């Protein structure tokens, strides 16, 4: 007699069905407790980096993300291209500045990897809009959210600007 179907039924009864992940919630990432979870129907699990991926509508992956479609725990996310200090960067492609530097905006059309923002550069007042990353270990860029938005953390690797706390699994101590 094969007990595997019975064992599976008992596990489902005890644990419950495996739920899918709603929009903008984490679905994968190295070191994340869930390893990989399927997104709700109509959504795609896009990787920001090897450490974070979330569910988004199809074709709505930010250009500065890896945008690898994660469909299993074994999906490999390529590393970003590293830009040297004082070289042009744009925060619009999957790149990162070399360790110890940030991609800082000088004008509307020019940014460079620098250790700090010169006082006359635009980066001195960089404000982030809703759903833009504002923090997390290894985050490169501004941490200031636009008025009416707060920087909510999902994990030690990712935080983004939002008007209200995104929900379960996010640090919502402001609310």
N, C-alpha and C. Protein backbone atom coordinates (compact mmCIF):
# COMPACT_ATOMS: atom_id res chain seq x y z
N UNK A 1 0.85 -1.18 0.00
CA UNK A 1 0.00 0.00 0.00
C UNK A 1 0.89 1.24 0.00
N UNK A 2 0.56 2.20 -0.82
CA UNK A 2 1.34 3.42 -0.94
C UNK A 2 0.76 4.49 -0.01
N UNK A 3 1.56 4.95 0.94
CA UNK A 3 1.10 5.93 1.92
C UNK A 3 1.43 7.37 1.53
N UNK A 4 2.10 7.57 0.39
CA UNK A 4 2.50 8.91 -0.01
C UNK A 4 1.31 9.85 -0.21
N UNK A 5 0.25 9.46 -0.92
CA UNK A 5 -0.90 10.37 -1.06
C UNK A 5 -1.53 10.71 0.29
N UNK A 6 -1.60 9.73 1.18
CA UNK A 6 -2.16 9.97 2.50
C UNK A 6 -1.30 10.95 3.29
N UNK A 7 0.03 10.76 3.22
CA UNK A 7 0.96 11.65 3.91
C UNK A 7 0.81 13.08 3.39
N UNK A 8 0.71 13.22 2.07
CA UNK A 8 0.55 14.54 1.46
C UNK A 8 -0.74 15.20 1.93
N UNK A 9 -1.83 14.45 1.98
CA UNK A 9 -3.12 14.99 2.43
C UNK A 9 -3.05 15.43 3.88
N UNK A 10 -2.35 14.66 4.72
CA UNK A 10 -2.20 15.03 6.14
C UNK A 10 -1.38 16.30 6.27
N UNK A 11 -0.29 16.42 5.48
CA UNK A 11 0.53 17.64 5.52
C UNK A 11 -0.26 18.87 5.11
N UNK A 12 -1.05 18.75 4.05
CA UNK A 12 -1.88 19.88 3.60
C UNK A 12 -2.88 20.25 4.69
N UNK A 13 -3.45 19.26 5.34
CA UNK A 13 -4.42 19.53 6.41
C UNK A 13 -3.77 20.23 7.59
N UNK A 14 -2.54 19.83 7.92
CA UNK A 14 -1.84 20.43 9.06
C UNK A 14 -1.27 21.81 8.75
N UNK A 15 -0.65 21.94 7.58
CA UNK A 15 0.04 23.18 7.22
C UNK A 15 -0.86 24.13 6.45
N UNK A 16 -1.77 23.60 5.69
CA UNK A 16 -2.62 24.41 4.84
C UNK A 16 -2.02 24.48 3.45
N UNK A 17 -2.78 24.91 2.47
CA UNK A 17 -2.26 24.98 1.11
C UNK A 17 -1.18 26.05 1.01
N UNK A 18 -0.28 25.85 0.07
CA UNK A 18 0.79 26.81 -0.15
C UNK A 18 0.17 28.02 -0.83
N UNK A 19 0.26 29.17 -0.20
CA UNK A 19 -0.36 30.36 -0.76
C UNK A 19 0.60 31.05 -1.72
N UNK A 20 0.04 31.80 -2.63
CA UNK A 20 0.84 32.56 -3.58
C UNK A 20 1.09 33.96 -3.01
N UNK A 21 1.94 34.71 -3.69
CA UNK A 21 2.40 36.01 -3.21
C UNK A 21 1.71 37.14 -3.98
N UNK A 22 1.16 38.16 -3.29
CA UNK A 22 0.51 39.29 -3.97
C UNK A 22 1.53 40.28 -4.55
N UNK A 23 1.04 41.25 -5.28
CA UNK A 23 1.88 42.27 -5.93
C UNK A 23 2.77 42.99 -4.93
N UNK A 24 4.02 43.17 -5.33
CA UNK A 24 5.05 43.92 -4.61
C UNK A 24 5.50 43.27 -3.31
N UNK A 25 5.13 42.00 -3.10
CA UNK A 25 5.62 41.25 -1.95
C UNK A 25 6.79 40.38 -2.41
N UNK A 26 7.67 40.04 -1.47
CA UNK A 26 8.85 39.25 -1.80
C UNK A 26 8.46 37.82 -2.18
N UNK A 27 9.09 37.33 -3.26
CA UNK A 27 8.82 35.97 -3.73
C UNK A 27 10.08 35.11 -3.76
N UNK A 28 11.26 35.72 -3.63
CA UNK A 28 12.51 34.96 -3.65
C UNK A 28 13.65 35.85 -3.17
N UNK A 29 14.79 35.22 -2.94
CA UNK A 29 16.00 35.95 -2.56
C UNK A 29 16.92 35.09 -1.72
N UNK A 30 18.20 35.19 -1.98
CA UNK A 30 19.20 34.44 -1.24
C UNK A 30 19.14 34.82 0.23
N UNK A 31 19.00 33.83 1.08
CA UNK A 31 18.91 34.08 2.52
C UNK A 31 17.52 34.38 3.02
N UNK A 32 16.55 34.52 2.11
CA UNK A 32 15.17 34.79 2.51
C UNK A 32 14.55 33.49 2.99
N UNK A 33 13.73 33.57 4.03
CA UNK A 33 13.16 32.37 4.64
C UNK A 33 12.28 31.56 3.70
N UNK A 34 11.68 32.19 2.73
CA UNK A 34 10.77 31.47 1.85
C UNK A 34 11.43 30.78 0.67
N UNK A 35 12.67 31.08 0.37
CA UNK A 35 13.44 30.58 -0.76
C UNK A 35 12.78 30.96 -2.08
N UNK A 36 11.59 30.44 -2.38
CA UNK A 36 10.84 30.82 -3.58
C UNK A 36 9.37 30.54 -3.34
N UNK A 37 8.53 31.50 -3.68
CA UNK A 37 7.08 31.31 -3.63
C UNK A 37 6.49 31.85 -4.92
N UNK A 38 5.52 31.14 -5.45
CA UNK A 38 4.85 31.52 -6.68
C UNK A 38 4.03 32.79 -6.45
N UNK A 39 4.03 33.66 -7.46
CA UNK A 39 3.23 34.89 -7.40
C UNK A 39 1.77 34.59 -7.72
N UNK A 40 0.88 35.50 -7.28
CA UNK A 40 -0.54 35.42 -7.65
C UNK A 40 -0.65 35.37 -9.17
N UNK A 41 -1.72 34.79 -9.67
CA UNK A 41 -1.95 34.72 -11.11
C UNK A 41 -1.85 36.11 -11.73
N UNK A 42 -1.19 36.19 -12.89
CA UNK A 42 -1.05 37.45 -13.60
C UNK A 42 0.16 38.26 -13.19
N UNK A 43 0.94 37.78 -12.20
CA UNK A 43 2.14 38.49 -11.75
C UNK A 43 3.38 37.66 -12.06
N UNK A 44 4.52 38.34 -12.11
CA UNK A 44 5.80 37.69 -12.39
C UNK A 44 6.76 37.98 -11.24
N UNK A 45 7.55 36.99 -10.85
CA UNK A 45 8.56 37.17 -9.81
C UNK A 45 9.84 37.66 -10.48
N UNK A 46 10.15 38.97 -10.32
CA UNK A 46 11.34 39.58 -10.92
C UNK A 46 12.40 39.79 -9.85
N UNK A 47 13.65 39.46 -10.19
CA UNK A 47 14.77 39.64 -9.26
C UNK A 47 15.32 41.06 -9.33
N UNK A 48 15.45 41.69 -8.17
CA UNK A 48 16.16 42.97 -8.05
C UNK A 48 17.65 42.69 -8.02
N UNK A 49 18.00 41.62 -7.30
CA UNK A 49 19.37 41.15 -7.17
C UNK A 49 19.27 39.70 -6.71
N UNK A 50 20.38 39.07 -6.40
CA UNK A 50 20.31 37.70 -5.92
C UNK A 50 19.66 37.63 -4.53
N UNK A 51 19.58 38.77 -3.83
CA UNK A 51 19.05 38.80 -2.47
C UNK A 51 17.57 39.16 -2.37
N UNK A 52 16.98 39.70 -3.44
CA UNK A 52 15.59 40.16 -3.34
C UNK A 52 14.89 40.06 -4.68
N UNK A 53 13.66 39.54 -4.66
CA UNK A 53 12.78 39.52 -5.83
C UNK A 53 11.37 39.75 -5.33
N UNK A 54 10.55 40.44 -6.14
CA UNK A 54 9.16 40.59 -5.74
C UNK A 54 8.23 40.40 -6.93
N UNK A 55 6.95 40.23 -6.62
CA UNK A 55 5.93 39.99 -7.64
C UNK A 55 5.48 41.33 -8.23
N UNK A 56 5.45 41.38 -9.55
CA UNK A 56 5.07 42.60 -10.27
C UNK A 56 4.24 42.21 -11.49
N UNK A 57 3.49 43.17 -12.02
CA UNK A 57 2.79 42.90 -13.28
C UNK A 57 3.82 42.61 -14.39
N UNK A 58 3.45 41.81 -15.39
CA UNK A 58 4.37 41.52 -16.49
C UNK A 58 4.87 42.80 -17.15
N UNK A 59 6.12 42.79 -17.55
CA UNK A 59 6.78 43.91 -18.24
C UNK A 59 6.85 45.18 -17.41
N UNK A 60 6.78 45.07 -16.08
CA UNK A 60 6.90 46.24 -15.22
C UNK A 60 8.05 46.08 -14.23
N UNK A 61 9.17 45.60 -14.74
CA UNK A 61 10.37 45.46 -13.91
C UNK A 61 11.22 46.70 -14.11
N UNK A 62 11.63 47.37 -13.02
CA UNK A 62 12.46 48.57 -13.15
C UNK A 62 13.77 48.27 -13.90
N UNK A 63 14.19 49.16 -14.76
CA UNK A 63 15.37 48.92 -15.60
C UNK A 63 16.65 48.74 -14.80
N UNK A 64 16.69 49.26 -13.59
CA UNK A 64 17.91 49.13 -12.79
C UNK A 64 17.94 47.83 -11.99
N UNK A 65 16.92 46.98 -12.14
CA UNK A 65 16.90 45.66 -11.51
C UNK A 65 17.54 44.65 -12.45
N UNK A 66 17.88 43.47 -11.92
CA UNK A 66 18.38 42.39 -12.76
C UNK A 66 17.29 41.93 -13.73
N UNK A 67 16.04 41.95 -13.27
CA UNK A 67 14.86 41.57 -14.06
C UNK A 67 14.88 40.12 -14.54
N UNK A 68 15.66 39.29 -13.87
CA UNK A 68 15.61 37.85 -14.14
C UNK A 68 14.27 37.34 -13.63
N UNK A 69 13.57 36.57 -14.44
CA UNK A 69 12.32 35.97 -14.00
C UNK A 69 12.67 34.76 -13.14
N UNK A 70 12.25 34.81 -11.88
CA UNK A 70 12.53 33.73 -10.94
C UNK A 70 11.34 32.78 -10.95
N UNK A 71 11.60 31.54 -11.35
CA UNK A 71 10.51 30.57 -11.40
C UNK A 71 10.79 29.31 -10.58
N UNK A 72 11.91 29.32 -9.86
CA UNK A 72 12.22 28.21 -8.95
C UNK A 72 13.33 28.65 -8.00
N UNK A 73 13.56 27.85 -6.97
CA UNK A 73 14.62 28.17 -6.00
C UNK A 73 16.00 28.07 -6.63
N UNK A 74 16.12 27.41 -7.77
CA UNK A 74 17.43 27.24 -8.41
C UNK A 74 17.73 28.29 -9.48
N UNK A 75 16.84 29.26 -9.69
CA UNK A 75 17.08 30.31 -10.68
C UNK A 75 18.32 31.11 -10.28
N UNK A 76 19.24 31.28 -11.21
CA UNK A 76 20.47 32.04 -10.97
C UNK A 76 20.29 33.48 -11.45
N UNK A 77 20.65 34.44 -10.60
CA UNK A 77 20.57 35.85 -10.94
C UNK A 77 21.99 36.34 -11.18
N UNK A 78 22.27 36.92 -12.36
CA UNK A 78 23.64 37.37 -12.63
C UNK A 78 24.01 38.57 -11.76
N UNK A 79 25.30 38.73 -11.47
CA UNK A 79 25.72 39.90 -10.69
C UNK A 79 25.66 41.16 -11.55
N UNK A 80 25.50 42.33 -10.92
CA UNK A 80 25.48 43.58 -11.69
C UNK A 80 26.89 43.93 -12.18
N UNK A 81 26.95 44.78 -13.21
CA UNK A 81 28.23 45.29 -13.70
C UNK A 81 28.71 46.35 -12.71
N UNK A 82 29.99 46.31 -12.33
CA UNK A 82 30.54 47.24 -11.34
C UNK A 82 31.21 48.42 -12.04
N UNK A 83 30.83 49.63 -11.62
CA UNK A 83 31.37 50.87 -12.20
C UNK A 83 32.43 51.44 -11.26
N UNK A 84 33.63 51.79 -11.79
CA UNK A 84 34.70 52.33 -10.95
C UNK A 84 34.40 53.75 -10.44
N UNK A 85 35.12 54.17 -9.42
CA UNK A 85 34.98 55.50 -8.83
C UNK A 85 35.22 56.58 -9.88
N UNK A 86 34.44 57.66 -9.81
CA UNK A 86 34.49 58.82 -10.71
C UNK A 86 34.09 58.51 -12.15
N UNK A 87 33.51 57.34 -12.40
CA UNK A 87 33.02 57.00 -13.74
C UNK A 87 31.52 57.25 -13.81
N UNK A 88 31.01 57.45 -15.03
CA UNK A 88 29.60 57.73 -15.24
C UNK A 88 28.74 56.52 -14.86
N UNK A 89 27.66 56.80 -14.16
CA UNK A 89 26.67 55.78 -13.80
C UNK A 89 25.30 56.39 -14.09
N UNK A 90 24.25 55.56 -14.05
CA UNK A 90 22.95 56.13 -14.39
C UNK A 90 21.78 55.63 -13.55
N UNK A 91 21.99 54.61 -12.73
CA UNK A 91 20.90 54.04 -11.93
C UNK A 91 19.70 53.64 -12.78
N UNK A 92 19.91 53.47 -14.09
CA UNK A 92 18.82 53.03 -14.96
C UNK A 92 19.13 51.67 -15.58
N UNK A 93 20.29 51.12 -15.29
CA UNK A 93 20.63 49.79 -15.77
C UNK A 93 21.14 48.98 -14.58
N UNK A 94 21.24 47.69 -14.76
CA UNK A 94 21.63 46.80 -13.67
C UNK A 94 23.14 46.91 -13.44
N UNK A 95 23.52 47.98 -12.75
CA UNK A 95 24.92 48.25 -12.43
C UNK A 95 25.01 48.71 -10.98
N UNK A 96 26.19 48.63 -10.42
CA UNK A 96 26.45 49.18 -9.09
C UNK A 96 27.80 49.87 -9.11
N UNK A 97 27.93 50.88 -8.30
CA UNK A 97 29.21 51.55 -8.15
C UNK A 97 30.11 50.67 -7.29
N UNK A 98 31.41 50.82 -7.49
CA UNK A 98 32.36 50.05 -6.71
C UNK A 98 32.15 50.29 -5.21
N UNK A 99 32.55 49.35 -4.41
CA UNK A 99 32.36 49.41 -2.96
C UNK A 99 32.84 50.74 -2.38
N UNK A 100 32.03 51.32 -1.50
CA UNK A 100 32.38 52.58 -0.85
C UNK A 100 31.96 53.82 -1.61
N UNK A 101 31.30 53.64 -2.77
CA UNK A 101 30.85 54.79 -3.55
C UNK A 101 29.35 54.67 -3.84
N UNK A 102 28.75 55.77 -4.26
CA UNK A 102 27.33 55.83 -4.62
C UNK A 102 27.20 56.45 -6.00
N UNK A 103 26.13 56.13 -6.73
CA UNK A 103 25.85 56.79 -8.00
C UNK A 103 25.13 58.09 -7.66
N UNK A 104 25.85 59.19 -7.77
CA UNK A 104 25.34 60.50 -7.36
C UNK A 104 25.10 61.40 -8.56
N UNK A 105 23.96 62.10 -8.55
CA UNK A 105 23.52 62.91 -9.68
C UNK A 105 24.11 64.31 -9.62
N UNK A 106 24.83 64.68 -10.70
CA UNK A 106 25.39 66.02 -10.81
C UNK A 106 24.39 66.96 -11.48
N UNK A 107 23.84 66.52 -12.63
CA UNK A 107 22.85 67.30 -13.38
C UNK A 107 21.71 66.35 -13.76
N UNK A 108 20.73 66.84 -14.51
CA UNK A 108 19.63 65.98 -14.95
C UNK A 108 20.09 64.87 -15.89
N UNK A 109 21.26 65.04 -16.50
CA UNK A 109 21.74 64.06 -17.48
C UNK A 109 23.07 63.41 -17.12
N UNK A 110 23.64 63.72 -15.97
CA UNK A 110 24.96 63.15 -15.64
C UNK A 110 25.07 62.77 -14.16
N UNK A 111 25.52 61.54 -13.92
CA UNK A 111 25.79 61.03 -12.58
C UNK A 111 27.13 60.31 -12.58
N UNK A 112 27.78 60.26 -11.43
CA UNK A 112 29.06 59.57 -11.29
C UNK A 112 29.10 58.79 -9.99
N UNK A 113 29.94 57.75 -9.97
CA UNK A 113 30.20 57.00 -8.74
C UNK A 113 31.17 57.82 -7.90
N UNK A 114 30.71 58.28 -6.76
CA UNK A 114 31.50 59.12 -5.86
C UNK A 114 31.36 58.64 -4.43
N UNK A 115 32.31 59.03 -3.58
CA UNK A 115 32.24 58.67 -2.16
C UNK A 115 31.27 59.56 -1.40
N UNK A 116 31.04 60.78 -1.87
CA UNK A 116 30.07 61.68 -1.25
C UNK A 116 29.55 62.66 -2.29
N UNK A 117 28.43 63.28 -1.99
CA UNK A 117 27.80 64.21 -2.92
C UNK A 117 28.37 65.61 -2.75
N UNK A 118 28.99 66.17 -3.82
CA UNK A 118 29.43 67.56 -3.74
C UNK A 118 28.23 68.49 -3.53
N UNK A 119 28.41 69.53 -2.76
CA UNK A 119 27.29 70.40 -2.37
C UNK A 119 26.56 71.06 -3.54
N UNK A 120 27.20 71.23 -4.67
CA UNK A 120 26.55 71.89 -5.80
C UNK A 120 25.80 70.91 -6.72
N UNK A 121 25.86 69.62 -6.44
CA UNK A 121 25.22 68.61 -7.29
C UNK A 121 23.75 68.42 -6.91
N UNK A 122 22.95 67.92 -7.88
CA UNK A 122 21.54 67.66 -7.64
C UNK A 122 21.31 66.59 -6.57
N UNK A 123 22.25 65.67 -6.43
CA UNK A 123 22.09 64.59 -5.45
C UNK A 123 21.95 65.12 -4.04
N UNK A 124 22.36 66.33 -3.85
CA UNK A 124 22.27 66.93 -2.52
C UNK A 124 20.82 67.08 -2.08
N UNK A 125 19.88 66.97 -3.03
CA UNK A 125 18.46 67.09 -2.70
C UNK A 125 17.61 65.98 -3.32
N UNK A 126 18.21 64.82 -3.65
CA UNK A 126 17.50 63.71 -4.31
C UNK A 126 16.34 63.18 -3.49
N UNK A 127 15.15 63.19 -4.08
CA UNK A 127 13.93 62.72 -3.42
C UNK A 127 13.38 61.53 -4.22
N UNK A 128 12.97 60.49 -3.50
CA UNK A 128 12.48 59.27 -4.14
C UNK A 128 10.96 59.24 -4.21
N UNK A 129 10.43 58.67 -5.28
CA UNK A 129 8.98 58.53 -5.43
C UNK A 129 8.52 57.16 -4.93
N UNK A 130 7.20 56.94 -4.97
CA UNK A 130 6.62 55.70 -4.44
C UNK A 130 7.21 54.47 -5.13
N UNK A 131 7.51 53.46 -4.33
CA UNK A 131 8.06 52.16 -4.72
C UNK A 131 9.53 52.20 -5.14
N UNK A 132 10.19 53.35 -5.07
CA UNK A 132 11.62 53.39 -5.34
C UNK A 132 12.37 52.92 -4.10
N UNK A 133 13.45 52.18 -4.32
CA UNK A 133 14.22 51.65 -3.20
C UNK A 133 14.88 52.79 -2.43
N UNK A 134 14.74 52.73 -1.10
CA UNK A 134 15.27 53.78 -0.23
C UNK A 134 16.23 53.24 0.82
N UNK A 135 16.47 51.96 0.83
CA UNK A 135 17.37 51.40 1.82
C UNK A 135 17.57 49.92 1.66
N UNK A 136 18.38 49.39 2.55
CA UNK A 136 18.72 47.97 2.54
C UNK A 136 20.21 47.81 2.41
N UNK A 137 20.71 46.72 2.96
CA UNK A 137 22.14 46.46 2.91
C UNK A 137 22.61 46.44 1.46
N UNK A 138 23.63 47.23 1.16
CA UNK A 138 24.16 47.31 -0.19
C UNK A 138 23.43 48.29 -1.08
N UNK A 139 22.39 48.97 -0.55
CA UNK A 139 21.63 49.94 -1.36
C UNK A 139 22.53 51.08 -1.80
N UNK A 140 22.43 51.42 -3.06
CA UNK A 140 23.20 52.52 -3.64
C UNK A 140 22.20 53.62 -4.00
N UNK A 141 22.34 54.78 -3.41
CA UNK A 141 21.47 55.89 -3.79
C UNK A 141 20.82 56.59 -2.63
N UNK A 142 19.88 57.43 -2.97
CA UNK A 142 19.19 58.27 -1.99
C UNK A 142 18.36 57.43 -1.02
N UNK A 143 18.13 57.98 0.15
CA UNK A 143 17.28 57.34 1.15
C UNK A 143 16.12 58.25 1.54
N UNK A 144 15.95 59.35 0.81
CA UNK A 144 14.90 60.32 1.14
C UNK A 144 13.66 60.12 0.28
N UNK A 145 12.54 59.85 0.94
CA UNK A 145 11.26 59.66 0.24
C UNK A 145 10.55 61.01 0.08
N UNK A 146 9.74 61.12 -0.97
CA UNK A 146 8.96 62.33 -1.23
C UNK A 146 7.99 62.59 -0.08
N UNK A 147 7.53 63.83 0.07
CA UNK A 147 6.55 64.14 1.12
C UNK A 147 5.34 63.22 1.02
N UNK A 148 4.87 62.74 2.17
CA UNK A 148 3.74 61.83 2.22
C UNK A 148 4.13 60.37 2.12
N UNK A 149 5.41 60.10 1.87
CA UNK A 149 5.90 58.72 1.77
C UNK A 149 6.88 58.44 2.89
N UNK A 150 6.99 57.17 3.26
CA UNK A 150 7.97 56.74 4.27
C UNK A 150 8.76 55.57 3.70
N UNK A 151 9.95 55.36 4.24
CA UNK A 151 10.80 54.26 3.82
C UNK A 151 10.51 53.04 4.70
N UNK A 152 9.85 52.03 4.12
CA UNK A 152 9.48 50.82 4.85
C UNK A 152 10.43 49.68 4.48
N UNK A 153 10.92 48.96 5.49
CA UNK A 153 11.85 47.84 5.28
C UNK A 153 11.11 46.53 5.13
N UNK A 154 11.55 45.74 4.16
CA UNK A 154 11.03 44.39 3.96
C UNK A 154 11.98 43.36 4.56
N UNK A 155 13.27 43.66 4.47
CA UNK A 155 14.31 42.78 4.99
C UNK A 155 15.55 43.63 5.20
N UNK A 156 16.62 43.03 5.63
CA UNK A 156 17.85 43.81 5.80
C UNK A 156 18.42 44.22 4.44
N UNK A 157 17.92 43.62 3.34
CA UNK A 157 18.43 43.93 2.02
C UNK A 157 17.55 44.88 1.22
N UNK A 158 16.31 45.13 1.65
CA UNK A 158 15.43 45.92 0.80
C UNK A 158 14.44 46.75 1.60
N UNK A 159 14.26 48.01 1.16
CA UNK A 159 13.23 48.92 1.68
C UNK A 159 12.80 49.81 0.52
N UNK A 160 11.52 50.20 0.49
CA UNK A 160 11.10 51.15 -0.54
C UNK A 160 10.13 52.18 0.03
N UNK A 161 9.96 53.28 -0.71
CA UNK A 161 9.08 54.36 -0.30
C UNK A 161 7.63 53.97 -0.58
N UNK A 162 6.76 54.24 0.39
CA UNK A 162 5.33 53.96 0.22
C UNK A 162 4.53 54.91 1.10
N UNK A 163 3.29 55.15 0.70
CA UNK A 163 2.40 56.04 1.47
C UNK A 163 1.94 55.36 2.75
N UNK A 164 1.73 54.05 2.70
CA UNK A 164 1.34 53.28 3.88
C UNK A 164 2.18 52.01 3.90
N UNK A 165 2.18 51.36 5.02
CA UNK A 165 2.94 50.12 5.15
C UNK A 165 2.43 49.08 4.15
N UNK A 166 3.33 48.47 3.38
CA UNK A 166 2.91 47.49 2.37
C UNK A 166 2.22 46.24 2.92
N UNK A 167 2.39 45.92 4.19
CA UNK A 167 1.65 44.79 4.74
C UNK A 167 2.49 43.81 5.54
N UNK A 168 1.98 42.60 5.64
CA UNK A 168 2.62 41.55 6.43
C UNK A 168 4.04 41.31 5.94
N UNK A 169 4.96 41.21 6.88
CA UNK A 169 6.35 40.96 6.54
C UNK A 169 7.18 42.23 6.40
N UNK A 170 6.54 43.37 6.43
CA UNK A 170 7.24 44.65 6.35
C UNK A 170 7.33 45.24 7.76
N UNK A 171 8.35 46.03 8.01
CA UNK A 171 8.50 46.69 9.30
C UNK A 171 7.65 47.96 9.25
N UNK A 172 6.60 47.98 10.05
CA UNK A 172 5.60 49.05 9.98
C UNK A 172 5.52 49.84 11.28
N UNK A 173 6.62 50.06 11.91
CA UNK A 173 6.62 50.73 13.22
C UNK A 173 6.17 52.18 13.16
N UNK A 174 6.13 52.79 11.96
CA UNK A 174 5.67 54.18 11.85
C UNK A 174 4.17 54.28 12.02
N UNK A 175 3.45 53.22 11.60
CA UNK A 175 1.98 53.27 11.58
C UNK A 175 1.38 52.93 12.92
